[in-house]
């Protein structure tokens, strides 16, 4: 079948998704023999040994079949108790195949064609395309240059078609952590405009300037909280997350999971239960130090917002470059892999750098980027 004829078969849903930005970077990077890779969106530490052993035991004990769709009871009970301890709210929980799986289930449950989802710009790339895939319309709120939550800007984007307000803390790609005041303002907008507040907290344990404010405390009956295990425990390939929120929404997402993901992987759920007892404070301290190192190296030559969590920085490109791709191409020509900001944004003015790597690679990569910036 010819490429042109394939258009007859591809759905509008599939054609609405553009992967060209990241693909172009990887196509350029594949020519490099030993790149300084500052593009990776996953931890550079391994899964805790106790978590590995829990998965191995589950497999050896024959826990290899389907679980109930909502997830094994001991795991859900622990998460329910954890959220109650944080927020005072006892909410039902669904175990999902990663936070991405939870996002897709939520959007499938809530959106009809033409419904709008308000989100910050920059945004994690799945928000934009998952909304489109289910027939919704993403609406972007410009948060440049500091990437803070400005209630007035977000309220101006809300229309009668708006159904969901998406926030992420800490954010990918900016690393910005929302303040308690900003979370309260977001919940207030959701209450006043009759919206669902979807909070993506996959990086909630990777915060470096104090605990991440979050959870469902301000609007529990209209907040969907999504958390994951991949980033905090090095389990990105294990695909494990959870959703907590109003009973009616969790029940609807559970119904849809039955006919899509079926359940999260069984042995991974038992490993997730063990992960709740794992100590990752050493990794948090390491990333705080890596954050400080990368910021100290970059801030002399780049305009940037100091990240409070995750493992990304989102600096502005030097003004002499036409766009983000021009700067990224120059970086790749100098053996440094970074991601163009327009992968995560409607603007072409920034780039994303990941400091989830060795101190040596951070120093080498940042020094090269600063040399390029200085011309």
Protein backbone atom coordinates (compact mmCIF):
# COMPACT_ATOMS: atom_id res chain seq x y z
CA UNK A 1 0.00 0.00 0.00
CA UNK A 2 1.36 3.44 -0.92
CA UNK A 3 1.95 6.16 1.68
CA UNK A 4 -0.62 8.38 -0.04
CA UNK A 5 -3.26 5.64 0.08
CA UNK A 6 -2.66 5.20 3.81
CA UNK A 7 -4.36 8.56 4.34
CA UNK A 8 -7.65 6.93 3.38
CA UNK A 9 -7.39 4.57 6.34
CA UNK A 10 -5.86 6.76 9.05
CA UNK A 11 -8.41 8.34 11.39
CA UNK A 12 -8.70 12.07 12.01
CA UNK A 13 -7.90 11.18 15.63
CA UNK A 14 -4.53 9.73 14.64
CA UNK A 15 -3.74 12.54 12.21
CA UNK A 16 -4.35 15.11 14.97
CA UNK A 17 -1.28 13.85 16.83
CA UNK A 18 2.09 15.26 15.77
CA UNK A 19 5.25 13.52 16.98
CA UNK A 20 7.58 15.35 14.61
CA UNK A 21 9.26 17.60 17.21
CA UNK A 22 10.86 14.92 19.36
CA UNK A 23 11.40 12.65 16.35
CA UNK A 24 13.46 15.31 14.61
CA UNK A 25 15.71 15.68 17.66
CA UNK A 26 16.21 11.93 17.96
CA UNK A 27 16.89 11.64 14.22
CA UNK A 28 19.65 14.22 14.59
CA UNK A 29 20.94 12.70 17.81
CA UNK A 30 21.21 9.17 16.43
CA UNK A 31 24.27 10.28 14.47
CA UNK A 32 26.16 11.07 17.69
CA UNK A 33 28.45 8.35 19.05
CA UNK A 34 28.56 9.34 22.74
CA UNK A 35 26.23 12.33 23.26
CA UNK A 36 25.85 14.32 26.45
CA UNK A 37 22.22 13.39 26.88
CA UNK A 38 20.25 16.06 28.75
CA UNK A 39 16.97 15.11 27.09
CA UNK A 40 15.94 12.06 29.12
CA UNK A 41 12.67 12.29 31.03
CA UNK A 42 13.36 9.48 33.46
CA UNK A 43 15.44 9.00 36.62
CA UNK A 44 19.06 7.86 36.36
CA UNK A 45 18.75 5.69 39.50
CA UNK A 46 17.57 2.10 39.68
CA UNK A 47 14.43 0.67 41.29
CA UNK A 48 14.92 0.14 45.07
CA UNK A 49 15.97 -3.43 45.86
CA UNK A 50 12.97 -4.00 48.14
CA UNK A 51 10.65 -3.09 45.29
CA UNK A 52 12.43 -5.42 42.86
CA UNK A 53 12.18 -8.26 45.35
CA UNK A 54 8.46 -7.62 45.89
CA UNK A 55 7.88 -7.97 42.14
CA UNK A 56 9.99 -11.14 42.00
CA UNK A 57 8.08 -12.66 44.94
CA UNK A 58 4.75 -11.80 43.33
CA UNK A 59 5.80 -13.59 40.13
CA UNK A 60 7.15 -16.59 42.06
CA UNK A 61 3.97 -16.76 44.14
CA UNK A 62 1.83 -16.98 41.03
CA UNK A 63 0.37 -13.47 41.19
CA UNK A 64 0.54 -13.23 37.43
CA UNK A 65 -3.09 -13.15 36.36
CA UNK A 66 -5.55 -10.29 36.09
CA UNK A 67 -6.34 -8.37 39.25
CA UNK A 68 -9.68 -6.69 39.82
CA UNK A 69 -9.90 -3.70 37.51
CA UNK A 70 -9.60 -1.12 40.27
CA UNK A 71 -6.40 -2.72 41.65
CA UNK A 72 -5.49 -4.99 44.54
CA UNK A 73 -7.19 -4.02 47.82
CA UNK A 74 -4.06 -3.78 50.04
CA UNK A 75 -2.47 -1.31 47.62
CA UNK A 76 -5.59 0.81 47.25
CA UNK A 77 -6.18 0.84 51.01
CA UNK A 78 -2.67 2.17 51.63
CA UNK A 79 -3.10 4.96 49.09
CA UNK A 80 -6.53 5.87 50.49
CA UNK A 81 -4.98 6.10 53.97
CA UNK A 82 -2.04 8.13 52.65
CA UNK A 83 -4.28 10.71 50.97
CA UNK A 84 -6.53 10.90 54.03
CA UNK A 85 -3.50 11.59 56.23
CA UNK A 86 -2.43 14.40 53.87
CA UNK A 87 -5.77 16.06 53.20
CA UNK A 88 -8.34 14.71 55.64
CA UNK A 89 -10.34 13.39 52.68
CA UNK A 90 -11.20 9.69 52.29
CA UNK A 91 -11.55 9.19 48.55
CA UNK A 92 -11.88 6.09 46.37
CA UNK A 93 -8.76 5.08 44.44
CA UNK A 94 -8.20 3.43 41.06
CA UNK A 95 -4.82 1.86 40.23
CA UNK A 96 -3.88 2.89 36.68
CA UNK A 97 -1.34 1.92 34.04
CA UNK A 98 0.81 4.95 34.70
CA UNK A 99 -0.35 8.53 35.11
CA UNK A 100 -0.74 8.68 31.33
CA UNK A 101 -3.29 5.86 31.57
CA UNK A 102 -5.15 7.78 34.26
CA UNK A 103 -5.19 10.95 32.14
CA UNK A 104 -6.62 9.11 29.14
CA UNK A 105 -9.31 7.38 31.22
CA UNK A 106 -10.32 10.69 32.81
CA UNK A 107 -10.59 12.46 29.48
CA UNK A 108 -12.59 9.58 27.98
CA UNK A 109 -14.95 9.71 30.96
CA UNK A 110 -15.46 13.47 30.93
CA UNK A 111 -15.20 14.88 27.41
CA UNK A 112 -17.59 14.98 24.50
CA UNK A 113 -16.50 16.32 21.09
CA UNK A 114 -16.03 20.08 21.30
CA UNK A 115 -15.58 20.23 25.08
CA UNK A 116 -12.65 22.40 26.15
CA UNK A 117 -9.77 21.70 28.53
CA UNK A 118 -7.86 24.68 29.90
CA UNK A 119 -4.16 24.10 30.57
CA UNK A 120 -1.02 26.15 31.10
CA UNK A 121 1.44 26.81 28.31
CA UNK A 122 4.02 25.20 28.62
CA UNK A 123 2.29 21.84 29.17
CA UNK A 124 3.21 18.17 29.32
CA UNK A 125 2.78 17.00 25.74
CA UNK A 126 0.21 14.25 26.47
CA UNK A 127 -2.33 16.81 27.74
CA UNK A 128 -2.64 18.44 24.34
CA UNK A 129 -2.81 15.30 22.25
CA UNK A 130 -4.88 13.12 24.58
CA UNK A 131 -7.52 15.86 24.64
CA UNK A 132 -7.53 15.93 20.85
CA UNK A 133 -7.67 12.15 20.61
CA UNK A 134 -10.98 12.04 22.48
CA UNK A 135 -12.44 14.91 20.46
CA UNK A 136 -11.85 17.72 22.94
CA UNK A 137 -10.25 21.10 22.39
CA UNK A 138 -7.14 22.14 24.34
CA UNK A 139 -7.10 25.81 25.38
CA UNK A 140 -3.71 27.22 26.37
CA UNK A 141 -2.96 29.86 29.00
CA UNK A 142 0.32 31.70 28.51
CA UNK A 143 2.31 31.48 31.77
CA UNK A 144 5.58 32.94 30.45
CA UNK A 145 8.05 34.11 31.69
CA UNK A 146 7.83 32.79 35.29
CA UNK A 147 5.38 29.87 34.67
CA UNK A 148 3.27 30.73 37.72
CA UNK A 149 -0.49 30.16 38.06
CA UNK A 150 -2.20 33.52 37.51
CA UNK A 151 -5.95 33.05 38.29
CA UNK A 152 -6.96 36.02 36.14
CA UNK A 153 -5.22 34.60 33.05
CA UNK A 154 -6.82 31.20 33.55
CA UNK A 155 -10.26 32.63 34.23
CA UNK A 156 -10.09 34.62 30.98
CA UNK A 157 -9.64 31.32 29.08
CA UNK A 158 -12.77 29.69 30.54
CA UNK A 159 -15.84 29.54 28.31
CA UNK A 160 -19.23 27.79 28.51
CA UNK A 161 -17.55 24.84 26.71
CA UNK A 162 -14.84 24.41 29.36
CA UNK A 163 -15.12 21.20 31.38
CA UNK A 164 -11.66 20.56 32.83
CA UNK A 165 -8.86 22.67 34.28
CA UNK A 166 -5.50 20.83 34.21
CA UNK A 167 -2.64 21.74 36.53
CA UNK A 168 0.66 19.96 37.16
CA UNK A 169 2.89 20.38 40.19
CA UNK A 170 5.84 20.04 39.89
CA UNK A 171 5.56 20.76 36.19
CA UNK A 172 7.08 19.03 33.21
CA UNK A 173 8.80 20.83 31.42
CA UNK A 174 9.40 23.80 33.77
CA UNK A 175 9.95 22.15 37.16
CA UNK A 176 7.82 24.87 38.79
CA UNK A 177 5.98 23.87 41.98
CA UNK A 178 2.64 25.51 42.66
CA UNK A 179 2.21 27.29 45.97
CA UNK A 180 -0.60 26.48 48.37
CA UNK A 181 -2.17 29.83 47.50
CA UNK A 182 -2.10 28.99 43.77
CA UNK A 183 -3.70 25.58 44.41
CA UNK A 184 -6.44 27.25 46.42
CA UNK A 185 -7.03 29.72 43.58
CA UNK A 186 -7.26 26.89 41.04
CA UNK A 187 -9.79 25.06 43.22
CA UNK A 188 -11.79 28.29 43.58
CA UNK A 189 -11.92 28.67 39.78
CA UNK A 190 -13.15 25.09 39.45
CA UNK A 191 -15.86 25.69 42.05
CA UNK A 192 -17.08 28.99 40.61
CA UNK A 193 -17.13 27.78 36.99
CA UNK A 194 -18.35 24.22 37.67
CA UNK A 195 -15.22 22.51 36.33
CA UNK A 196 -13.28 19.35 37.11
CA UNK A 197 -9.80 20.15 38.46
CA UNK A 198 -7.31 17.54 37.21
CA UNK A 199 -4.05 17.66 39.20
CA UNK A 200 -1.04 15.78 37.82
CA UNK A 201 1.36 15.11 40.71
CA UNK A 202 3.65 12.47 39.21
CA UNK A 203 6.71 14.36 40.54
CA UNK A 204 5.20 15.15 43.96
CA UNK A 205 7.94 13.32 45.90
CA UNK A 206 10.73 15.05 43.97
CA UNK A 207 10.47 18.49 45.59
CA UNK A 208 13.55 20.34 46.81
CA UNK A 209 12.45 23.42 48.74
CA UNK A 210 10.00 21.80 51.16
CA UNK A 211 6.98 19.53 50.69
CA UNK A 212 4.92 19.94 47.53
CA UNK A 213 1.55 21.49 48.41
CA UNK A 214 -1.10 19.43 46.67
CA UNK A 215 -3.88 16.95 46.96
CA UNK A 216 -7.62 17.39 47.04
CA UNK A 217 -8.10 19.48 50.16
CA UNK A 218 -9.68 22.56 48.58
CA UNK A 219 -12.27 21.07 46.20
CA UNK A 220 -12.46 17.33 46.95
CA UNK A 221 -15.75 16.71 45.17
CA UNK A 222 -14.49 18.10 41.87
CA UNK A 223 -10.77 17.27 42.00
CA UNK A 224 -9.13 14.28 40.32
CA UNK A 225 -5.68 13.63 41.74
CA UNK A 226 -3.22 11.61 39.64
CA UNK A 227 0.03 10.25 41.04
CA UNK A 228 2.62 7.80 39.76
CA UNK A 229 5.51 5.61 40.83
CA UNK A 230 7.75 5.80 37.76
CA UNK A 231 9.61 9.05 38.44
CA UNK A 232 10.05 8.70 42.21
CA UNK A 233 11.13 5.05 42.27
CA UNK A 234 12.87 4.64 38.90
CA UNK A 235 9.96 2.48 37.70
CA UNK A 236 9.04 4.36 34.50
CA UNK A 237 8.86 1.18 32.42
CA UNK A 238 6.67 -0.58 35.00
CA UNK A 239 3.67 1.68 34.17
CA UNK A 240 2.06 2.24 37.56
CA UNK A 241 -0.08 5.11 38.77
CA UNK A 242 -3.19 5.89 40.77
CA UNK A 243 -6.20 8.17 40.58
CA UNK A 244 -8.21 9.49 43.53
CA UNK A 245 -11.31 11.62 43.30
CA UNK A 246 -15.11 11.76 43.48
CA UNK A 247 -16.80 8.36 43.67
CA UNK A 248 -18.83 8.87 40.50
CA UNK A 249 -15.72 9.73 38.44
CA UNK A 250 -13.54 6.91 39.80
CA UNK A 251 -16.37 4.45 39.08
CA UNK A 252 -16.65 5.71 35.50
CA UNK A 253 -12.88 5.51 34.95
CA UNK A 254 -12.88 1.99 36.40
CA UNK A 255 -15.60 0.97 33.94
CA UNK A 256 -13.55 2.33 31.03
CA UNK A 257 -10.37 0.67 32.29
CA UNK A 258 -12.23 -2.66 32.09
CA UNK A 259 -12.45 -2.26 28.31
CA UNK A 260 -9.04 -0.68 27.68
CA UNK A 261 -6.11 -1.39 30.04
CA UNK A 262 -8.10 -4.10 31.95
CA UNK A 263 -5.88 -3.58 35.02
CA UNK A 264 -2.42 -2.38 35.90
CA UNK A 265 0.18 -5.20 35.71
CA UNK A 266 -0.42 -7.53 38.65
CA UNK A 267 3.15 -8.06 39.89
CA UNK A 268 3.84 -4.34 39.52
CA UNK A 269 0.95 -3.55 41.87
CA UNK A 270 2.53 -5.71 44.59
CA UNK A 271 5.82 -3.95 43.92
CA UNK A 272 4.04 -0.60 44.23
CA UNK A 273 2.78 -1.62 47.65
CA UNK A 274 6.39 -2.23 48.71
CA UNK A 275 7.45 1.08 47.17
CA UNK A 276 5.23 2.94 49.63
CA UNK A 277 7.69 1.85 52.35
CA UNK A 278 10.89 2.56 50.38
CA UNK A 279 13.13 5.45 51.43
CA UNK A 280 13.99 7.66 48.46
CA UNK A 281 15.25 10.64 50.49
CA UNK A 282 18.80 10.01 49.24
CA UNK A 283 17.66 10.41 45.63
CA UNK A 284 15.71 13.56 46.51
CA UNK A 285 18.85 15.04 48.07
CA UNK A 286 20.89 14.05 45.01
CA UNK A 287 18.46 15.76 42.65
CA UNK A 288 18.32 18.88 44.82
CA UNK A 289 22.09 19.11 44.47
CA UNK A 290 21.95 18.41 40.73
CA UNK A 291 19.27 21.10 40.36
CA UNK A 292 21.48 23.60 42.18
CA UNK A 293 24.49 22.64 40.07
CA UNK A 294 22.67 23.00 36.76
CA UNK A 295 21.04 26.30 37.72
CA UNK A 296 24.35 27.76 38.93
CA UNK A 297 26.00 26.87 35.62
CA UNK A 298 23.17 28.11 33.37
CA UNK A 299 21.87 31.24 35.07
CA UNK A 300 24.85 33.37 34.02
CA UNK A 301 24.01 32.96 30.33
CA UNK A 302 20.32 32.04 30.21
CA UNK A 303 17.06 33.52 31.43
CA UNK A 304 15.34 30.79 33.47
CA UNK A 305 12.80 30.15 36.22
CA UNK A 306 14.40 28.23 39.09
CA UNK A 307 12.69 24.81 39.25
CA UNK A 308 11.37 23.57 42.59
CA UNK A 309 10.87 19.92 41.70
CA UNK A 310 11.07 17.21 39.06
CA UNK A 311 14.32 17.12 37.11
CA UNK A 312 13.91 19.70 34.34
CA UNK A 313 14.92 23.29 33.62
CA UNK A 314 13.22 25.32 30.89
CA UNK A 315 15.61 28.13 29.87
CA UNK A 316 14.98 30.77 27.21
CA UNK A 317 17.08 30.47 24.05
CA UNK A 318 19.55 33.30 23.30
CA UNK A 319 17.94 36.10 21.30
CA UNK A 320 20.30 35.70 18.35
CA UNK A 321 18.70 32.34 17.47
CA UNK A 322 15.66 32.39 15.21
CA UNK A 323 13.79 29.69 17.14
CA UNK A 324 14.20 26.80 19.55
CA UNK A 325 15.03 24.26 16.84
CA UNK A 326 17.90 26.42 15.59
CA UNK A 327 19.40 26.46 19.09
CA UNK A 328 18.81 22.72 19.62
CA UNK A 329 20.46 21.91 16.27
CA UNK A 330 23.49 23.93 17.36
CA UNK A 331 23.58 22.05 20.67
CA UNK A 332 23.37 18.69 18.90
CA UNK A 333 26.17 19.75 16.56
CA UNK A 334 28.20 20.19 19.75
CA UNK A 335 27.24 16.72 21.05
CA UNK A 336 24.53 17.84 23.55
CA UNK A 337 20.98 16.46 23.34
CA UNK A 338 18.19 18.74 24.59
CA UNK A 339 14.51 19.08 23.63
CA UNK A 340 12.99 22.10 21.82
CA UNK A 341 10.53 23.96 24.01
CA UNK A 342 7.90 23.97 21.26
CA UNK A 343 7.41 20.23 21.89
CA UNK A 344 5.71 21.40 25.12
CA UNK A 345 4.46 24.81 24.08
CA UNK A 346 2.84 26.97 21.42
CA UNK A 347 5.95 29.17 21.60
CA UNK A 348 9.41 28.55 20.13
CA UNK A 349 11.49 30.49 22.62
CA UNK A 350 12.77 27.92 25.15
CA UNK A 351 14.34 24.47 25.48
CA UNK A 352 14.02 21.68 28.04
CA UNK A 353 17.06 20.31 29.82
CA UNK A 354 16.99 17.27 32.11
CA UNK A 355 19.48 17.04 34.97
CA UNK A 356 18.68 13.36 35.60
CA UNK A 357 22.25 12.35 34.80
CA UNK A 358 25.73 12.42 36.32
CA UNK A 359 27.27 15.60 37.72
CA UNK A 360 30.00 15.30 35.10
CA UNK A 361 27.49 15.22 32.24
CA UNK A 362 25.61 18.17 33.74
CA UNK A 363 28.82 20.22 33.91
CA UNK A 364 29.95 19.25 30.41
CA UNK A 365 26.56 19.86 28.83
CA UNK A 366 25.84 23.16 30.60
CA UNK A 367 29.30 24.53 29.81
CA UNK A 368 28.81 23.74 26.12
CA UNK A 369 25.33 25.33 26.10
CA UNK A 370 26.74 28.46 27.78
CA UNK A 371 29.52 28.69 25.19
CA UNK A 372 26.92 28.50 22.43
CA UNK A 373 24.84 31.20 24.16
CA UNK A 374 27.84 33.52 24.38
CA UNK A 375 28.51 33.01 20.66
